[in-house]
Amino acid sequence: MKRPKLKKASKRLTCHKRYKIQKKIREHHRKVRKEAKKRGRKKPKKDPGVPSAAPFREELLREAEQRKQRLEELKQKQKLNRQKEHEKNRKLEAKKNEAKIREKAERKESSGKSKANTSKLLDKNSKKSFCRELKKVIEASDVVLEVLDARDPMGCRCPQLEQAVTCSGGDKKLLLVLNKIDLVPKENLEKWLNFLKKEFPTVAFKSATLMKDRTMQEQFTKRRARVDFSRTTECFGSKCLLKLLQEHGRTQNKAIQVGVVGFPNVGKSSIINSLKGVRACNVGLARGVTKSMQIVHIDKQTKMLDSPSIIADPSNSAVALALRNIIDTEESGSAGVLEGADAILNHCSKQQVMMHYSIPDFRTTEEFLTLLAQKRGMLKKGGVPDVENIAKLLLCDWTGAKIRYHSQPPESHRPPPYLTEDKITEMQVCFNLKNLEEENNKTVQALKYPSPASSILFQSAGMTDGTIEENKVIEVASEWENLETSKEGKEEEEDFTESDDDQDDVEEEMDIKEESEVQVIRKAKLVKRQTNPTNSEKQIAESKHSDSLSFSLDKTADEDDAYDFNTDYV
């Protein structure tokens, strides 16, 4: 092996290089001298002073010294003035800062008072406010549209809402709108239409996927060509629904208000946008985008009332909570998301899921999520699959319009107890059902549908119970609560577990006593090795050993041989 170079590399140069550098330096100096000659020498003239032979020399020198002193005094005065100005400015700034701090404190106090006063008022994001706004829509509307997802229509029905509308009295009507019909096979859609029309008038609907905003200007591509919105904004069933509403308005001889109601992500706001032809309501993949009642004028005779989503009751099954709950997947905990993904996969056929995601055979949901995360490249540091985020993405896919799945209608038709034959006839009185069937057939024939093989078969859990009244809503550690409530909860838990901590402290004290006894034994052994102890010392060591024998027997061999850093070997 070569020895490593300890010295630094030499800075010696070849003679040719050194002479070349010297030559360049000489040329540079020559240029500088030439430029100085051209400019002329402008050196500051030195003060010649007073000649020794000059008359009144001493007086002149005194005057010069006096001038210097005056100049120095002026400079010092100027410095003092500057310092005084700086001090004044600092004091003013300090006063201003104090005033600002006082204002902030006063604002905080006033805001605290206002918060205390407005604590009774409901937050926009709270579940109680959702129920309140939903009740407003139901009370104000003449016709209520219950929007159902065509992939699981039974799971989107809320018996509490239907009962509230049918038993409200008056001329209030309930219509079922079967949305997202393009994600379901044609035969399955026809079966559902035949099943649902026995209870309420149903409208087959396919809302527009992209809407042009009022404020949005015409978009242009790089080649300055206009973006074609005709394909994306195409919707089906809007004419049929508008006809039904207009006919009902004529029979009532007044302008009607139509409330659009349903569980999250069924397409309530998108139906209003497609009827209006403009993006009037906010739409998004996140659940609970609409938080308050919104009025949209379609024409002189019809007003659409957009409502917040129905809150799913916590007593529902895991599948219903995963698909119909108002919880946003971004804010929800990892345990709830994984439970929801597990429930969805358990209600589907395994082979169809494997074919859809093109994933090999899996045993558990965690294995499925790991395989999906590896396939889509959702990995954490060290190549660990991000199971939580992939579960959230799976829930978004199933609630959104990405995955095509369908559920079969029940074989035997059993209407719920609140729907008697008289109620069914009341709901169907003012509507022309023959025209409705013809329009539904037209919409069904106009669309393209997925084949039954490409669509995943889903086992529906039946109707989803919802909470409409504010009194029945219980917000238990929900994601809508502020962080302060969670902190308070943690403090309460610590208070409750104080007794357990006391027990732990007692146990720790016992362990410390036992360890001290073991250290005494080890020190005695070390003293034996290093020095020849006397008989008295031997007796003391033996007595200590006999006292701690019962304890040392309980210890394992590894614990006895363990190295103790607290012992002193000197």
Foldseek 3Di string as FASTA:
>chain_A
DDDDDPDDDDPDDDPVVVVVVVVVVVVVVVVVVVVDVVVDDDDDDDDPQDDPPDPPNVVVVVVVVVVVVVVVVVVVVVVVVVVVVVVVVVVVVVVVVVVVVVVVVVVVVVVVVVCVVCVPPDDLLDPLLQLVQVVVLLVQFQEEEEFAEQQFRQAWDAPVVVLCQLVVDDLRFYEYEHEPPQLADLVQSVQVCVQVLLFFHYFYKYFAQDFAAPPDDFDADPVRDTDDCCVRRDMARLVVVVVQQVLLLVVVVAAGEYEYAIFWLSQRQRSVCSNQRHNPDDDDLWAFPDRHWDWDDNDPRYIYIYGTYFAFDPVDDLQSCLQRHRDGLVLDDLVSLLSNLQVQCVQWDQVLVCVQLVFDDDDGVQRVLQRSQVVVVQADPPRHRPSSVSSSVVSSCVSHSNARAHEHDDPDRDDDPSRDPVSSCSNCPSGDSVVSVVSNVVRSVVHDHDDPSNHIYGYHPGYTHGDNHSVPDDCDPDSSDDVVVVVVVVVVVCVVCPVVVVVVVVVVVVVVVLVVLLLVLVVLVLCVVPDPDDPVSVVVSVVSCVVCVVVVVPDDPCVNPDDDPPDDND
